[in-house]
């Protein structure tokens, strides 16, 4: 099981140079997910999914490889607009 700081560090290492994510935003999202009872591995997968969905489309795979099911990821993780707002520094 990964620790909070490990998840945040890995996400930042993998995506910070290629996307407009912020450590503050990733930390906020991690803490929100953890307070809702998600374990660190699910949080890590969820963060990777929404980062790819919003910023690295070539690395994003929608559920069942069906582009029409992208809204499923939004319902499972976070809405795209809310994610982008948090990364811009808003609290959404």
PDB file of N, CA and C in Angstrom:
ATOM      1  N   UNK A   1       0.845  -1.182   0.000  1.00  0.00           N
ATOM      2  CA  UNK A   1       0.000   0.000   0.000  1.00  0.00           C
ATOM      3  C   UNK A   1       0.893   1.249   0.000  1.00  0.00           C
ATOM      4  N   UNK A   2       0.612   2.133  -0.914  1.00  0.00           N
ATOM      5  CA  UNK A   2       1.403   3.362  -0.995  1.00  0.00           C
ATOM      6  C   UNK A   2       0.912   4.367   0.046  1.00  0.00           C
ATOM      7  N   UNK A   3       1.814   5.181   0.491  1.00  0.00           N
ATOM      8  CA  UNK A   3       1.496   6.249   1.427  1.00  0.00           C
ATOM      9  C   UNK A   3       1.098   7.498   0.641  1.00  0.00           C
ATOM     10  N   UNK A   4       0.461   8.425   1.317  1.00  0.00           N
ATOM     11  CA  UNK A   4      -0.005   9.674   0.704  1.00  0.00           C
ATOM     12  C   UNK A   4       1.122  10.383  -0.048  1.00  0.00           C
ATOM     13  N   UNK A   5       2.245  10.582   0.632  1.00  0.00           N
ATOM     14  CA  UNK A   5       3.355  11.308   0.009  1.00  0.00           C
ATOM     15  C   UNK A   5       3.916  10.566  -1.211  1.00  0.00           C
ATOM     16  N   UNK A   6       3.860   9.234  -1.202  1.00  0.00           N
ATOM     17  CA  UNK A   6       4.352   8.455  -2.346  1.00  0.00           C
ATOM     18  C   UNK A   6       3.447   8.638  -3.564  1.00  0.00           C
ATOM     19  N   UNK A   7       2.148   8.623  -3.338  1.00  0.00           N
ATOM     20  CA  UNK A   7       1.201   8.819  -4.439  1.00  0.00           C
ATOM     21  C   UNK A   7       1.402  10.196  -5.050  1.00  0.00           C
ATOM     22  N   UNK A   8       1.447  11.210  -4.224  1.00  0.00           N
ATOM     23  CA  UNK A   8       1.618  12.583  -4.712  1.00  0.00           C
ATOM     24  C   UNK A   8       2.938  12.721  -5.454  1.00  0.00           C
ATOM     25  N   UNK A   9       4.014  12.170  -4.899  1.00  0.00           N
ATOM     26  CA  UNK A   9       5.334  12.252  -5.542  1.00  0.00           C
ATOM     27  C   UNK A   9       5.324  11.550  -6.899  1.00  0.00           C
ATOM     28  N   UNK A  10       4.749  10.346  -6.973  1.00  0.00           N
ATOM     29  CA  UNK A  10       4.722   9.604  -8.235  1.00  0.00           C
ATOM     30  C   UNK A  10       3.902  10.324  -9.295  1.00  0.00           C
ATOM     31  N   UNK A  11       2.759  10.857  -8.905  1.00  0.00           N
ATOM     32  CA  UNK A  11       1.922  11.604  -9.851  1.00  0.00           C
ATOM     33  C   UNK A  11       2.684  12.817 -10.369  1.00  0.00           C
ATOM     34  N   UNK A  12       3.312  13.545  -9.474  1.00  0.00           N
ATOM     35  CA  UNK A  12       4.056  14.733  -9.892  1.00  0.00           C
ATOM     36  C   UNK A  12       5.226  14.360 -10.796  1.00  0.00           C
ATOM     37  N   UNK A  13       5.940  13.276 -10.487  1.00  0.00           N
ATOM     38  CA  UNK A  13       7.061  12.846 -11.323  1.00  0.00           C
ATOM     39  C   UNK A  13       6.592  12.456 -12.718  1.00  0.00           C
ATOM     40  N   UNK A  14       5.469  11.772 -12.802  1.00  0.00           N
ATOM     41  CA  UNK A  14       4.993  11.279 -14.092  1.00  0.00           C
ATOM     42  C   UNK A  14       4.360  12.365 -14.953  1.00  0.00           C
ATOM     43  N   UNK A  15       3.709  13.347 -14.331  1.00  0.00           N
ATOM     44  CA  UNK A  15       2.871  14.251 -15.113  1.00  0.00           C
ATOM     45  C   UNK A  15       3.150  15.745 -14.984  1.00  0.00           C
ATOM     46  N   UNK A  16       3.896  16.183 -13.992  1.00  0.00           N
ATOM     47  CA  UNK A  16       4.056  17.624 -13.749  1.00  0.00           C
ATOM     48  C   UNK A  16       4.709  18.368 -14.908  1.00  0.00           C
ATOM     49  N   UNK A  17       5.653  17.742 -15.582  1.00  0.00           N
ATOM     50  CA  UNK A  17       6.339  18.433 -16.684  1.00  0.00           C
ATOM     51  C   UNK A  17       5.519  18.444 -17.963  1.00  0.00           C
ATOM     52  N   UNK A  18       4.537  17.549 -18.058  1.00  0.00           N
ATOM     53  CA  UNK A  18       3.764  17.427 -19.298  1.00  0.00           C
ATOM     54  C   UNK A  18       2.354  17.996 -19.205  1.00  0.00           C
ATOM     55  N   UNK A  19       1.944  18.377 -18.013  1.00  0.00           N
ATOM     56  CA  UNK A  19       0.581  18.865 -17.813  1.00  0.00           C
ATOM     57  C   UNK A  19       0.586  20.048 -16.846  1.00  0.00           C
ATOM     58  N   UNK A  20      -0.522  20.784 -16.786  1.00  0.00           N
ATOM     59  CA  UNK A  20      -0.579  21.930 -15.860  1.00  0.00           C
ATOM     60  C   UNK A  20      -1.058  21.567 -14.456  1.00  0.00           C
ATOM     61  N   UNK A  21      -0.745  20.361 -13.985  1.00  0.00           N
ATOM     62  CA  UNK A  21      -1.156  19.990 -12.629  1.00  0.00           C
ATOM     63  C   UNK A  21      -0.266  20.691 -11.613  1.00  0.00           C
ATOM     64  N   UNK A  22      -0.796  20.823 -10.402  1.00  0.00           N
ATOM     65  CA  UNK A  22      -0.023  21.431  -9.319  1.00  0.00           C
ATOM     66  C   UNK A  22       0.016  20.475  -8.129  1.00  0.00           C
ATOM     67  N   UNK A  23       1.063  20.571  -7.363  1.00  0.00           N
ATOM     68  CA  UNK A  23       1.173  19.727  -6.171  1.00  0.00           C
ATOM     69  C   UNK A  23       0.043  20.042  -5.203  1.00  0.00           C
ATOM     70  N   UNK A  24      -0.296  21.290  -5.080  1.00  0.00           N
ATOM     71  CA  UNK A  24      -1.398  21.694  -4.210  1.00  0.00           C
ATOM     72  C   UNK A  24      -2.709  21.050  -4.668  1.00  0.00           C
ATOM     73  N   UNK A  25      -2.965  21.074  -5.973  1.00  0.00           N
ATOM     74  CA  UNK A  25      -4.187  20.480  -6.506  1.00  0.00           C
ATOM     75  C   UNK A  25      -4.237  18.980  -6.304  1.00  0.00           C
ATOM     76  N   UNK A  26      -3.121  18.302  -6.560  1.00  0.00           N
ATOM     77  CA  UNK A  26      -3.064  16.847  -6.378  1.00  0.00           C
ATOM     78  C   UNK A  26      -3.246  16.494  -4.907  1.00  0.00           C
ATOM     79  N   UNK A  27      -2.631  17.268  -4.019  1.00  0.00           N
ATOM     80  CA  UNK A  27      -2.778  17.030  -2.586  1.00  0.00           C
ATOM     81  C   UNK A  27      -4.230  17.210  -2.163  1.00  0.00           C
ATOM     82  N   UNK A  28      -4.865  18.264  -2.634  1.00  0.00           N
ATOM     83  CA  UNK A  28      -6.269  18.514  -2.309  1.00  0.00           C
ATOM     84  C   UNK A  28      -7.151  17.359  -2.783  1.00  0.00           C
ATOM     85  N   UNK A  29      -6.939  16.899  -4.016  1.00  0.00           N
ATOM     86  CA  UNK A  29      -7.735  15.792  -4.540  1.00  0.00           C
ATOM     87  C   UNK A  29      -7.461  14.497  -3.782  1.00  0.00           C
ATOM     88  N   UNK A  30      -6.212  14.260  -3.434  1.00  0.00           N
ATOM     89  CA  UNK A  30      -5.877  13.069  -2.650  1.00  0.00           C
ATOM     90  C   UNK A  30      -6.622  13.102  -1.316  1.00  0.00           C
ATOM     91  N   UNK A  31      -6.546  14.218  -0.627  1.00  0.00           N
ATOM     92  CA  UNK A  31      -7.178  14.328   0.686  1.00  0.00           C
ATOM     93  C   UNK A  31      -8.696  14.176   0.603  1.00  0.00           C
ATOM     94  N   UNK A  32      -9.309  14.741  -0.434  1.00  0.00           N
ATOM     95  CA  UNK A  32     -10.760  14.591  -0.614  1.00  0.00           C
ATOM     96  C   UNK A  32     -11.118  13.119  -0.805  1.00  0.00           C
ATOM     97  N   UNK A  33     -10.373  12.442  -1.656  1.00  0.00           N
ATOM     98  CA  UNK A  33     -10.663  11.024  -1.921  1.00  0.00           C
ATOM     99  C   UNK A  33     -10.430  10.177  -0.675  1.00  0.00           C
ATOM    100  N   UNK A  34      -9.358  10.455   0.044  1.00  0.00           N
ATOM    101  CA  UNK A  34      -9.064   9.684   1.254  1.00  0.00           C
ATOM    102  C   UNK A  34     -10.150   9.894   2.311  1.00  0.00           C
ATOM    103  N   UNK A  35     -10.665  11.118   2.420  1.00  0.00           N
ATOM    104  CA  UNK A  35     -11.713  11.382   3.408  1.00  0.00           C
ATOM    105  C   UNK A  35     -13.020  10.697   3.038  1.00  0.00           C
ATOM    106  N   UNK A  36     -13.156  10.315   1.773  1.00  0.00           N
ATOM    107  CA  UNK A  36     -14.353   9.583   1.323  1.00  0.00           C
ATOM    108  C   UNK A  36     -14.153   8.076   1.417  1.00  0.00           C
ATOM    109  N   UNK A  37     -12.991   7.653   1.937  1.00  0.00           N
ATOM    110  CA  UNK A  37     -12.767   6.243   2.202  1.00  0.00           C
ATOM    111  C   UNK A  37     -12.017   5.467   1.139  1.00  0.00           C
ATOM    112  N   UNK A  38     -11.524   6.129   0.110  1.00  0.00           N
ATOM    113  CA  UNK A  38     -10.774   5.428  -0.929  1.00  0.00           C
ATOM    114  C   UNK A  38      -9.358   5.128  -0.449  1.00  0.00           C
ATOM    115  N   UNK A  39      -8.830   3.961  -0.835  1.00  0.00           N
ATOM    116  CA  UNK A  39      -7.460   3.644  -0.444  1.00  0.00           C
ATOM    117  C   UNK A  39      -6.484   4.289  -1.425  1.00  0.00           C
ATOM    118  N   UNK A  40      -5.221   4.311  -1.057  1.00  0.00           N
ATOM    119  CA  UNK A  40      -4.221   5.046  -1.834  1.00  0.00           C
ATOM    120  C   UNK A  40      -4.045   4.503  -3.256  1.00  0.00           C
ATOM    121  N   UNK A  41      -4.174   3.202  -3.456  1.00  0.00           N
ATOM    122  CA  UNK A  41      -4.035   2.651  -4.806  1.00  0.00           C
ATOM    123  C   UNK A  41      -5.168   3.131  -5.706  1.00  0.00           C
ATOM    124  N   UNK A  42      -6.391   3.137  -5.214  1.00  0.00           N
ATOM    125  CA  UNK A  42      -7.513   3.626  -6.007  1.00  0.00           C
ATOM    126  C   UNK A  42      -7.373   5.120  -6.286  1.00  0.00           C
ATOM    127  N   UNK A  43      -6.871   5.857  -5.314  1.00  0.00           N
ATOM    128  CA  UNK A  43      -6.649   7.294  -5.518  1.00  0.00           C
ATOM    129  C   UNK A  43      -5.598   7.502  -6.608  1.00  0.00           C
ATOM    130  N   UNK A  44      -4.521   6.733  -6.559  1.00  0.00           N
ATOM    131  CA  UNK A  44      -3.466   6.825  -7.566  1.00  0.00           C
ATOM    132  C   UNK A  44      -4.029   6.548  -8.966  1.00  0.00           C
ATOM    133  N   UNK A  45      -4.796   5.483  -9.098  1.00  0.00           N
ATOM    134  CA  UNK A  45      -5.399   5.135 -10.395  1.00  0.00           C
ATOM    135  C   UNK A  45      -6.359   6.231 -10.856  1.00  0.00           C
ATOM    136  N   UNK A  46      -7.156   6.730  -9.931  1.00  0.00           N
ATOM    137  CA  UNK A  46      -8.099   7.785 -10.272  1.00  0.00           C
ATOM    138  C   UNK A  46      -7.418   9.062 -10.728  1.00  0.00           C
ATOM    139  N   UNK A  47      -6.361   9.456 -10.038  1.00  0.00           N
ATOM    140  CA  UNK A  47      -5.622  10.659 -10.427  1.00  0.00           C
ATOM    141  C   UNK A  47      -4.991  10.500 -11.802  1.00  0.00           C
ATOM    142  N   UNK A  48      -4.391   9.339 -12.041  1.00  0.00           N
ATOM    143  CA  UNK A  48      -3.792   9.088 -13.359  1.00  0.00           C
ATOM    144  C   UNK A  48      -4.855   9.156 -14.453  1.00  0.00           C
ATOM    145  N   UNK A  49      -6.015   8.579 -14.172  1.00  0.00           N
ATOM    146  CA  UNK A  49      -7.090   8.561 -15.158  1.00  0.00           C
ATOM    147  C   UNK A  49      -7.561   9.966 -15.510  1.00  0.00           C
ATOM    148  N   UNK A  50      -7.820  10.792 -14.499  1.00  0.00           N
ATOM    149  CA  UNK A  50      -8.341  12.127 -14.797  1.00  0.00           C
ATOM    150  C   UNK A  50      -7.279  13.033 -15.408  1.00  0.00           C
ATOM    151  N   UNK A  51      -6.035  12.837 -15.045  1.00  0.00           N
ATOM    152  CA  UNK A  51      -4.972  13.631 -15.673  1.00  0.00           C
ATOM    153  C   UNK A  51      -4.886  13.286 -17.162  1.00  0.00           C
ATOM    154  N   UNK A  52      -4.874  12.016 -17.473  1.00  0.00           N
ATOM    155  CA  UNK A  52      -4.810  11.604 -18.881  1.00  0.00           C
ATOM    156  C   UNK A  52      -6.059  12.032 -19.630  1.00  0.00           C
ATOM    157  N   UNK A  53      -7.206  11.888 -19.010  1.00  0.00           N
ATOM    158  CA  UNK A  53      -8.477  12.244 -19.661  1.00  0.00           C
ATOM    159  C   UNK A  53      -8.510  13.726 -20.009  1.00  0.00           C
ATOM    160  N   UNK A  54      -7.988  14.560 -19.133  1.00  0.00           N
ATOM    161  CA  UNK A  54      -8.051  16.002 -19.342  1.00  0.00           C
ATOM    162  C   UNK A  54      -6.875  16.584 -20.104  1.00  0.00           C
ATOM    163  N   UNK A  55      -5.689  15.987 -19.993  1.00  0.00           N
ATOM    164  CA  UNK A  55      -4.504  16.624 -20.556  1.00  0.00           C
ATOM    165  C   UNK A  55      -3.688  15.757 -21.517  1.00  0.00           C
ATOM    166  N   UNK A  56      -3.740  14.467 -21.372  1.00  0.00           N
ATOM    167  CA  UNK A  56      -2.919  13.571 -22.203  1.00  0.00           C
ATOM    168  C   UNK A  56      -3.833  12.551 -22.889  1.00  0.00           C
ATOM    169  N   UNK A  57      -4.623  13.034 -23.802  1.00  0.00           N
ATOM    170  CA  UNK A  57      -5.640  12.195 -24.426  1.00  0.00           C
ATOM    171  C   UNK A  57      -5.070  10.929 -25.059  1.00  0.00           C
ATOM    172  N   UNK A  58      -3.859  11.004 -25.571  1.00  0.00           N
ATOM    173  CA  UNK A  58      -3.262   9.826 -26.215  1.00  0.00           C
ATOM    174  C   UNK A  58      -2.958   8.714 -25.205  1.00  0.00           C
ATOM    175  N   UNK A  59      -2.891   9.042 -23.932  1.00  0.00           N
ATOM    176  CA  UNK A  59      -2.627   8.051 -22.891  1.00  0.00           C
ATOM    177  C   UNK A  59      -3.898   7.617 -22.156  1.00  0.00           C
ATOM    178  N   UNK A  60      -5.018   8.201 -22.517  1.00  0.00           N
ATOM    179  CA  UNK A  60      -6.280   7.892 -21.846  1.00  0.00           C
ATOM    180  C   UNK A  60      -7.011   6.758 -22.565  1.00  0.00           C
ATOM    181  N   UNK A  61      -7.481   5.798 -21.777  1.00  0.00           N
ATOM    182  CA  UNK A  61      -8.297   4.711 -22.306  1.00  0.00           C
ATOM    183  C   UNK A  61      -9.653   4.761 -21.609  1.00  0.00           C
ATOM    184  N   UNK A  62     -10.717   5.037 -22.356  1.00  0.00           N
ATOM    185  CA  UNK A  62     -12.040   5.085 -21.730  1.00  0.00           C
ATOM    186  C   UNK A  62     -12.498   3.689 -21.296  1.00  0.00           C
ATOM    187  N   UNK A  63     -13.483   3.625 -20.413  1.00  0.00           N
ATOM    188  CA  UNK A  63     -13.990   2.326 -19.970  1.00  0.00           C
ATOM    189  C   UNK A  63     -14.392   1.459 -21.169  1.00  0.00           C
ATOM    190  N   UNK A  64     -13.986   0.217 -21.135  1.00  0.00           N
ATOM    191  CA  UNK A  64     -14.280  -0.753 -22.202  1.00  0.00           C
ATOM    192  C   UNK A  64     -13.784  -0.296 -23.580  1.00  0.00           C
ATOM    193  N   UNK A  65     -12.804   0.600 -23.601  1.00  0.00           N
ATOM    194  CA  UNK A  65     -12.274   1.167 -24.850  1.00  0.00           C
ATOM    195  C   UNK A  65     -13.354   1.799 -25.713  1.00  0.00           C
ATOM    196  N   UNK A  66     -14.407   2.288 -25.092  1.00  0.00           N
ATOM    197  CA  UNK A  66     -15.535   2.891 -25.797  1.00  0.00           C
ATOM    198  C   UNK A  66     -15.578   4.382 -25.488  1.00  0.00           C
ATOM    199  N   UNK A  67     -15.245   5.231 -26.458  1.00  0.00           N
ATOM    200  CA  UNK A  67     -15.230   6.685 -26.215  1.00  0.00           C
ATOM    201  C   UNK A  67     -16.581   7.234 -25.739  1.00  0.00           C
ATOM    202  N   UNK A  68     -17.654   6.547 -26.057  1.00  0.00           N
ATOM    203  CA  UNK A  68     -18.964   7.007 -25.605  1.00  0.00           C
ATOM    204  C   UNK A  68     -19.171   6.797 -24.107  1.00  0.00           C
ATOM    205  N   UNK A  69     -18.261   6.065 -23.478  1.00  0.00           N
ATOM    206  CA  UNK A  69     -18.392   5.793 -22.042  1.00  0.00           C
ATOM    207  C   UNK A  69     -17.491   6.680 -21.181  1.00  0.00           C
ATOM    208  N   UNK A  70     -16.912   7.722 -21.760  1.00  0.00           N
ATOM    209  CA  UNK A  70     -16.050   8.627 -20.991  1.00  0.00           C
ATOM    210  C   UNK A  70     -16.777   9.222 -19.798  1.00  0.00           C
ATOM    211  N   UNK A  71     -18.078   9.450 -19.949  1.00  0.00           N
ATOM    212  CA  UNK A  71     -18.824  10.042 -18.844  1.00  0.00           C
ATOM    213  C   UNK A  71     -18.847   9.130 -17.617  1.00  0.00           C
ATOM    214  N   UNK A  72     -18.600   7.845 -17.800  1.00  0.00           N
ATOM    215  CA  UNK A  72     -18.522   6.929 -16.658  1.00  0.00           C
ATOM    216  C   UNK A  72     -17.347   7.324 -15.763  1.00  0.00           C
ATOM    217  N   UNK A  73     -16.200   7.623 -16.371  1.00  0.00           N
ATOM    218  CA  UNK A  73     -15.038   8.057 -15.582  1.00  0.00           C
ATOM    219  C   UNK A  73     -15.338   9.351 -14.837  1.00  0.00           C
ATOM    220  N   UNK A  74     -16.097  10.254 -15.460  1.00  0.00           N
ATOM    221  CA  UNK A  74     -16.448  11.495 -14.781  1.00  0.00           C
ATOM    222  C   UNK A  74     -17.305  11.223 -13.557  1.00  0.00           C
ATOM    223  N   UNK A  75     -18.201  10.279 -13.652  1.00  0.00           N
ATOM    224  CA  UNK A  75     -19.058   9.957 -12.510  1.00  0.00           C
ATOM    225  C   UNK A  75     -18.289   9.205 -11.430  1.00  0.00           C
ATOM    226  N   UNK A  76     -17.335   8.386 -11.834  1.00  0.00           N
ATOM    227  CA  UNK A  76     -16.566   7.611 -10.860  1.00  0.00           C
ATOM    228  C   UNK A  76     -15.560   8.492 -10.116  1.00  0.00           C
ATOM    229  N   UNK A  77     -14.853   9.350 -10.838  1.00  0.00           N
ATOM    230  CA  UNK A  77     -13.748  10.100 -10.237  1.00  0.00           C
ATOM    231  C   UNK A  77     -14.116  11.545  -9.920  1.00  0.00           C
ATOM    232  N   UNK A  78     -14.126  12.386 -10.917  1.00  0.00           N
ATOM    233  CA  UNK A  78     -14.386  13.814 -10.722  1.00  0.00           C
ATOM    234  C   UNK A  78     -14.803  14.383 -12.069  1.00  0.00           C
ATOM    235  N   UNK A  79     -15.665  15.365 -12.046  1.00  0.00           N
ATOM    236  CA  UNK A  79     -16.067  15.990 -13.297  1.00  0.00           C
ATOM    237  C   UNK A  79     -14.898  16.776 -13.868  1.00  0.00           C
ATOM    238  N   UNK A  80     -14.802  16.776 -15.192  1.00  0.00           N
ATOM    239  CA  UNK A  80     -13.677  17.438 -15.856  1.00  0.00           C
ATOM    240  C   UNK A  80     -13.547  18.904 -15.457  1.00  0.00           C
ATOM    241  N   UNK A  81     -14.663  19.630 -15.445  1.00  0.00           N
ATOM    242  CA  UNK A  81     -14.597  21.057 -15.118  1.00  0.00           C
ATOM    243  C   UNK A  81     -14.086  21.269 -13.698  1.00  0.00           C
ATOM    244  N   UNK A  82     -14.495  20.414 -12.770  1.00  0.00           N
ATOM    245  CA  UNK A  82     -14.062  20.554 -11.385  1.00  0.00           C
ATOM    246  C   UNK A  82     -12.564  20.269 -11.257  1.00  0.00           C
ATOM    247  N   UNK A  83     -12.098  19.233 -11.948  1.00  0.00           N
ATOM    248  CA  UNK A  83     -10.678  18.891 -11.935  1.00  0.00           C
ATOM    249  C   UNK A  83      -9.835  20.047 -12.462  1.00  0.00           C
ATOM    250  N   UNK A  84     -10.225  20.588 -13.615  1.00  0.00           N
ATOM    251  CA  UNK A  84      -9.453  21.692 -14.209  1.00  0.00           C
ATOM    252  C   UNK A  84      -9.483  22.930 -13.325  1.00  0.00           C
ATOM    253  N   UNK A  85     -10.611  23.188 -12.684  1.00  0.00           N
ATOM    254  CA  UNK A  85     -10.722  24.343 -11.781  1.00  0.00           C
ATOM    255  C   UNK A  85      -9.762  24.195 -10.598  1.00  0.00           C
ATOM    256  N   UNK A  86      -9.676  23.013 -10.025  1.00  0.00           N
ATOM    257  CA  UNK A  86      -8.768  22.770  -8.898  1.00  0.00           C
ATOM    258  C   UNK A  86      -7.327  22.970  -9.350  1.00  0.00           C
ATOM    259  N   UNK A  87      -6.983  22.499 -10.535  1.00  0.00           N
ATOM    260  CA  UNK A  87      -5.611  22.641 -11.029  1.00  0.00           C
ATOM    261  C   UNK A  87      -5.261  24.091 -11.336  1.00  0.00           C
ATOM    262  N   UNK A  88      -6.260  24.913 -11.586  1.00  0.00           N
ATOM    263  CA  UNK A  88      -6.016  26.339 -11.808  1.00  0.00           C
ATOM    264  C   UNK A  88      -5.827  27.095 -10.499  1.00  0.00           C
ATOM    265  N   UNK A  89      -6.094  26.423  -9.381  1.00  0.00           N
ATOM    266  CA  UNK A  89      -5.903  27.053  -8.084  1.00  0.00           C
ATOM    267  C   UNK A  89      -7.208  27.377  -7.382  1.00  0.00           C
ATOM    268  N   UNK A  90      -8.328  27.060  -8.005  1.00  0.00           N
ATOM    269  CA  UNK A  90      -9.627  27.270  -7.355  1.00  0.00           C
ATOM    270  C   UNK A  90      -9.920  26.131  -6.396  1.00  0.00           C
ATOM    271  N   UNK A  91     -10.884  26.325  -5.566  1.00  0.00           N
ATOM    272  CA  UNK A  91     -11.215  25.300  -4.581  1.00  0.00           C
ATOM    273  C   UNK A  91     -12.325  24.365  -5.051  1.00  0.00           C
ATOM    274  N   UNK A  92     -13.068  24.765  -6.054  1.00  0.00           N
ATOM    275  CA  UNK A  92     -14.215  24.014  -6.604  1.00  0.00           C
ATOM    276  C   UNK A  92     -14.892  23.221  -5.570  1.00  0.00           C
TER     277      UNK A  92
END
